[in-house]
Amino acid sequence: VHVLCTLATAGPEPATADPAVVVLGVRADFTGSCLDLPELAAACTDGLFVLPPMSVAELRESITRPAELAGLTLEPGLVQLLLRDAGLREEPAAVAATAPAAGPGDTPSGALPLVSHPLMATWQRR
């Protein structure tokens, strides 16, 4: 936190220096804590870019795509288990074909951390 506060309050660099960009990712439930720090309040509101919750399809891809890129095969049923444990339900293919397309905002905003933590633990135990 001290490093972030220092970066947020640092003055402009000399014109000859390469500019630095700091990207801070904060879950919505922690934004209030950042706003409580005067040094971070302006940085957390100026240029704020809010990402909507991922759709179930995007969450599924966030699980499967990195494994594919690493040449790994996921255990059958792992993706469904992770999504179910995060409180999400995938529609069967027959139902999904007739249902309206799911998109961002169709999942709770806290679903990604619920999926990422068990994925990290699984990766560390591989």
C-alpha atoms as a PDB file:
ATOM      1  CA  VAL A   1       0.000   0.000   0.000  1.00  0.00           C
ATOM      2  CA  HIS A   2       2.854   2.387   0.786  1.00  0.00           C
ATOM      3  CA  VAL A   3       4.297   1.917  -2.707  1.00  0.00           C
ATOM      4  CA  LEU A   4       0.913   2.660  -4.299  1.00  0.00           C
ATOM      5  CA  CYS A   5       0.495   5.793  -2.186  1.00  0.00           C
ATOM      6  CA  THR A   6       3.991   6.946  -3.174  1.00  0.00           C
ATOM      7  CA  LEU A   7       3.269   6.359  -6.863  1.00  0.00           C
ATOM      8  CA  ALA A   8      -0.068   8.151  -6.608  1.00  0.00           C
ATOM      9  CA  THR A   9       1.459  11.257  -5.026  1.00  0.00           C
ATOM     10  CA  ALA A  10       4.690  11.379  -7.057  1.00  0.00           C
ATOM     11  CA  GLY A  11       5.270  14.537  -9.020  1.00  0.00           C
ATOM     12  CA  PRO A  12       5.732  14.604 -12.783  1.00  0.00           C
ATOM     13  CA  GLU A  13       8.927  13.102 -14.136  1.00  0.00           C
ATOM     14  CA  PRO A  14      11.407  15.192 -16.121  1.00  0.00           C
ATOM     15  CA  ALA A  15      10.536  15.485 -19.813  1.00  0.00           C
ATOM     16  CA  THR A  16      13.455  13.237 -20.754  1.00  0.00           C
ATOM     17  CA  ALA A  17      12.271  10.301 -18.686  1.00  0.00           C
ATOM     18  CA  ASP A  18      10.035   7.622 -20.136  1.00  0.00           C
ATOM     19  CA  PRO A  19       6.542   7.947 -18.696  1.00  0.00           C
ATOM     20  CA  ALA A  20       5.353   5.247 -16.339  1.00  0.00           C
ATOM     21  CA  VAL A  21       1.854   3.867 -16.283  1.00  0.00           C
ATOM     22  CA  VAL A  22       0.561   2.132 -13.188  1.00  0.00           C
ATOM     23  CA  VAL A  23      -2.471  -0.099 -13.498  1.00  0.00           C
ATOM     24  CA  LEU A  24      -4.159  -0.973 -10.241  1.00  0.00           C
ATOM     25  CA  GLY A  25      -6.743  -3.741 -10.241  1.00  0.00           C
ATOM     26  CA  VAL A  26      -9.117  -3.550  -7.300  1.00  0.00           C
ATOM     27  CA  ARG A  27     -12.177  -5.685  -6.646  1.00  0.00           C
ATOM     28  CA  ALA A  28     -15.334  -3.644  -6.170  1.00  0.00           C
ATOM     29  CA  ASP A  29     -15.644  -4.709  -2.539  1.00  0.00           C
ATOM     30  CA  PHE A  30     -12.201  -3.181  -1.790  1.00  0.00           C
ATOM     31  CA  THR A  31     -12.655   0.119  -3.628  1.00  0.00           C
ATOM     32  CA  GLY A  32     -13.969   1.800  -0.485  1.00  0.00           C
ATOM     33  CA  SER A  33     -10.772   0.941   1.389  1.00  0.00           C
ATOM     34  CA  CYS A  34      -8.705   2.579  -1.360  1.00  0.00           C
ATOM     35  CA  LEU A  35     -10.892   5.669  -1.286  1.00  0.00           C
ATOM     36  CA  ASP A  36     -10.282   5.951   2.471  1.00  0.00           C
ATOM     37  CA  LEU A  37      -6.600   6.650   1.744  1.00  0.00           C
ATOM     38  CA  PRO A  38      -6.242  10.279   0.633  1.00  0.00           C
ATOM     39  CA  GLU A  39      -3.167   9.415  -1.438  1.00  0.00           C
ATOM     40  CA  LEU A  40      -5.111   6.827  -3.452  1.00  0.00           C
ATOM     41  CA  ALA A  41      -8.527   8.496  -3.628  1.00  0.00           C
ATOM     42  CA  ALA A  42      -7.717  10.676  -6.640  1.00  0.00           C
ATOM     43  CA  ALA A  43      -5.871   7.858  -8.414  1.00  0.00           C
ATOM     44  CA  CYS A  44      -8.866   5.566  -7.885  1.00  0.00           C
ATOM     45  CA  THR A  45     -11.365   8.045  -9.317  1.00  0.00           C
ATOM     46  CA  ASP A  46      -9.450   9.852 -12.092  1.00  0.00           C
ATOM     47  CA  GLY A  47      -9.396   7.690 -15.194  1.00  0.00           C
ATOM     48  CA  LEU A  48     -11.412   4.976 -13.502  1.00  0.00           C
ATOM     49  CA  PHE A  49     -12.187   2.061 -15.804  1.00  0.00           C
ATOM     50  CA  VAL A  50     -14.741  -0.392 -14.463  1.00  0.00           C
ATOM     51  CA  LEU A  51     -14.885  -3.900 -15.872  1.00  0.00           C
ATOM     52  CA  PRO A  52     -18.283  -5.604 -15.797  1.00  0.00           C
ATOM     53  CA  PRO A  53     -18.562  -9.120 -14.386  1.00  0.00           C
ATOM     54  CA  MET A  54     -17.508 -11.861 -16.773  1.00  0.00           C
ATOM     55  CA  SER A  55     -20.168 -14.007 -18.409  1.00  0.00           C
ATOM     56  CA  VAL A  56     -20.225 -17.732 -17.658  1.00  0.00           C
ATOM     57  CA  ALA A  57     -18.691 -18.331 -21.104  1.00  0.00           C
ATOM     58  CA  GLU A  58     -15.874 -15.855 -20.341  1.00  0.00           C
ATOM     59  CA  LEU A  59     -15.234 -17.479 -16.966  1.00  0.00           C
ATOM     60  CA  ARG A  60     -15.149 -20.886 -18.654  1.00  0.00           C
ATOM     61  CA  GLU A  61     -12.605 -19.564 -21.164  1.00  0.00           C
ATOM     62  CA  SER A  62     -10.520 -18.010 -18.374  1.00  0.00           C
ATOM     63  CA  ILE A  63     -10.181 -21.534 -16.982  1.00  0.00           C
ATOM     64  CA  THR A  64      -9.693 -23.521 -20.179  1.00  0.00           C
ATOM     65  CA  ARG A  65      -7.665 -21.186 -22.412  1.00  0.00           C
ATOM     66  CA  PRO A  66      -4.554 -20.823 -20.196  1.00  0.00           C
ATOM     67  CA  ALA A  67      -4.475 -24.608 -19.804  1.00  0.00           C
ATOM     68  CA  GLU A  68      -4.687 -25.035 -23.586  1.00  0.00           C
ATOM     69  CA  LEU A  69      -1.891 -22.504 -24.132  1.00  0.00           C
ATOM     70  CA  ALA A  70       0.281 -24.368 -21.618  1.00  0.00           C
ATOM     71  CA  GLY A  71      -0.436 -27.692 -23.348  1.00  0.00           C
ATOM     72  CA  LEU A  72      -2.310 -29.053 -20.329  1.00  0.00           C
ATOM     73  CA  THR A  73      -5.450 -31.163 -20.238  1.00  0.00           C
ATOM     74  CA  LEU A  74      -8.016 -30.394 -17.567  1.00  0.00           C
ATOM     75  CA  GLU A  75      -9.562 -33.249 -15.651  1.00  0.00           C
ATOM     76  CA  PRO A  76     -13.081 -34.001 -16.931  1.00  0.00           C
ATOM     77  CA  GLY A  77     -15.695 -32.159 -14.892  1.00  0.00           C
ATOM     78  CA  LEU A  78     -13.221 -29.698 -13.325  1.00  0.00           C
ATOM     79  CA  VAL A  79     -14.602 -26.666 -15.144  1.00  0.00           C
ATOM     80  CA  GLN A  80     -18.194 -27.525 -14.231  1.00  0.00           C
ATOM     81  CA  LEU A  81     -17.170 -28.126 -10.599  1.00  0.00           C
ATOM     82  CA  LEU A  82     -15.384 -24.770 -10.366  1.00  0.00           C
ATOM     83  CA  LEU A  83     -18.321 -22.911 -11.886  1.00  0.00           C
ATOM     84  CA  ARG A  84     -20.818 -24.728  -9.663  1.00  0.00           C
ATOM     85  CA  ASP A  85     -18.736 -24.023  -6.546  1.00  0.00           C
ATOM     86  CA  ALA A  86     -18.733 -20.336  -7.547  1.00  0.00           C
ATOM     87  CA  GLY A  87     -22.539 -20.458  -7.546  1.00  0.00           C
ATOM     88  CA  LEU A  88     -22.871 -20.505 -11.323  1.00  0.00           C
ATOM     89  CA  ARG A  89     -24.869 -22.889 -13.436  1.00  0.00           C
ATOM     90  CA  GLU A  90     -24.349 -23.656 -17.071  1.00  0.00           C
ATOM     91  CA  GLU A  91     -27.412 -24.419 -19.114  1.00  0.00           C
ATOM     92  CA  PRO A  92     -27.493 -27.724 -21.007  1.00  0.00           C
ATOM     93  CA  ALA A  93     -26.713 -27.279 -24.718  1.00  0.00           C
ATOM     94  CA  ALA A  94     -30.350 -27.831 -25.738  1.00  0.00           C
ATOM     95  CA  VAL A  95     -31.589 -25.111 -23.383  1.00  0.00           C
ATOM     96  CA  ALA A  96     -28.721 -22.741 -24.185  1.00  0.00           C
ATOM     97  CA  ALA A  97     -29.493 -22.971 -27.906  1.00  0.00           C
ATOM     98  CA  THR A  98     -32.977 -21.526 -27.373  1.00  0.00           C
ATOM     99  CA  ALA A  99     -32.147 -19.110 -24.556  1.00  0.00           C
ATOM    100  CA  PRO A 100     -31.121 -15.488 -25.080  1.00  0.00           C
ATOM    101  CA  ALA A 101     -27.374 -15.030 -25.388  1.00  0.00           C
ATOM    102  CA  ALA A 102     -25.663 -14.631 -22.047  1.00  0.00           C
ATOM    103  CA  GLY A 103     -23.324 -11.728 -21.714  1.00  0.00           C
ATOM    104  CA  PRO A 104     -21.436  -9.601 -19.232  1.00  0.00           C
ATOM    105  CA  GLY A 105     -23.452  -8.914 -16.128  1.00  0.00           C
ATOM    106  CA  ASP A 106     -25.061 -12.360 -16.153  1.00  0.00           C
ATOM    107  CA  THR A 107     -22.789 -13.503 -13.325  1.00  0.00           C
ATOM    108  CA  PRO A 108     -22.138 -12.075  -9.881  1.00  0.00           C
ATOM    109  CA  SER A 109     -19.212  -9.655  -9.711  1.00  0.00           C
ATOM    110  CA  GLY A 110     -17.425 -11.805  -7.131  1.00  0.00           C
ATOM    111  CA  ALA A 111     -17.347 -14.956  -9.276  1.00  0.00           C
ATOM    112  CA  LEU A 112     -13.819 -14.541 -10.672  1.00  0.00           C
ATOM    113  CA  PRO A 113     -12.050 -14.659  -7.269  1.00  0.00           C
ATOM    114  CA  LEU A 114     -14.142 -17.715  -6.362  1.00  0.00           C
ATOM    115  CA  VAL A 115     -12.807 -19.439  -9.478  1.00  0.00           C
ATOM    116  CA  SER A 116      -9.232 -18.094  -9.424  1.00  0.00           C
ATOM    117  CA  HIS A 117      -8.360 -19.175  -5.880  1.00  0.00           C
ATOM    118  CA  PRO A 118      -9.086 -22.906  -6.389  1.00  0.00           C
ATOM    119  CA  LEU A 119      -7.380 -22.721  -9.795  1.00  0.00           C
ATOM    120  CA  MET A 120      -4.212 -21.375  -8.173  1.00  0.00           C
ATOM    121  CA  ALA A 121      -4.334 -24.102  -5.508  1.00  0.00           C
ATOM    122  CA  THR A 122      -4.854 -26.757  -8.201  1.00  0.00           C
ATOM    123  CA  TRP A 123      -1.936 -25.370 -10.226  1.00  0.00           C
ATOM    124  CA  GLN A 124       0.369 -25.404  -7.194  1.00  0.00           C
ATOM    125  CA  ARG A 125      -0.515 -29.057  -6.466  1.00  0.00           C
ATOM    126  CA  ARG A 126      -0.110 -30.349 -10.018  1.00  0.00           C
END
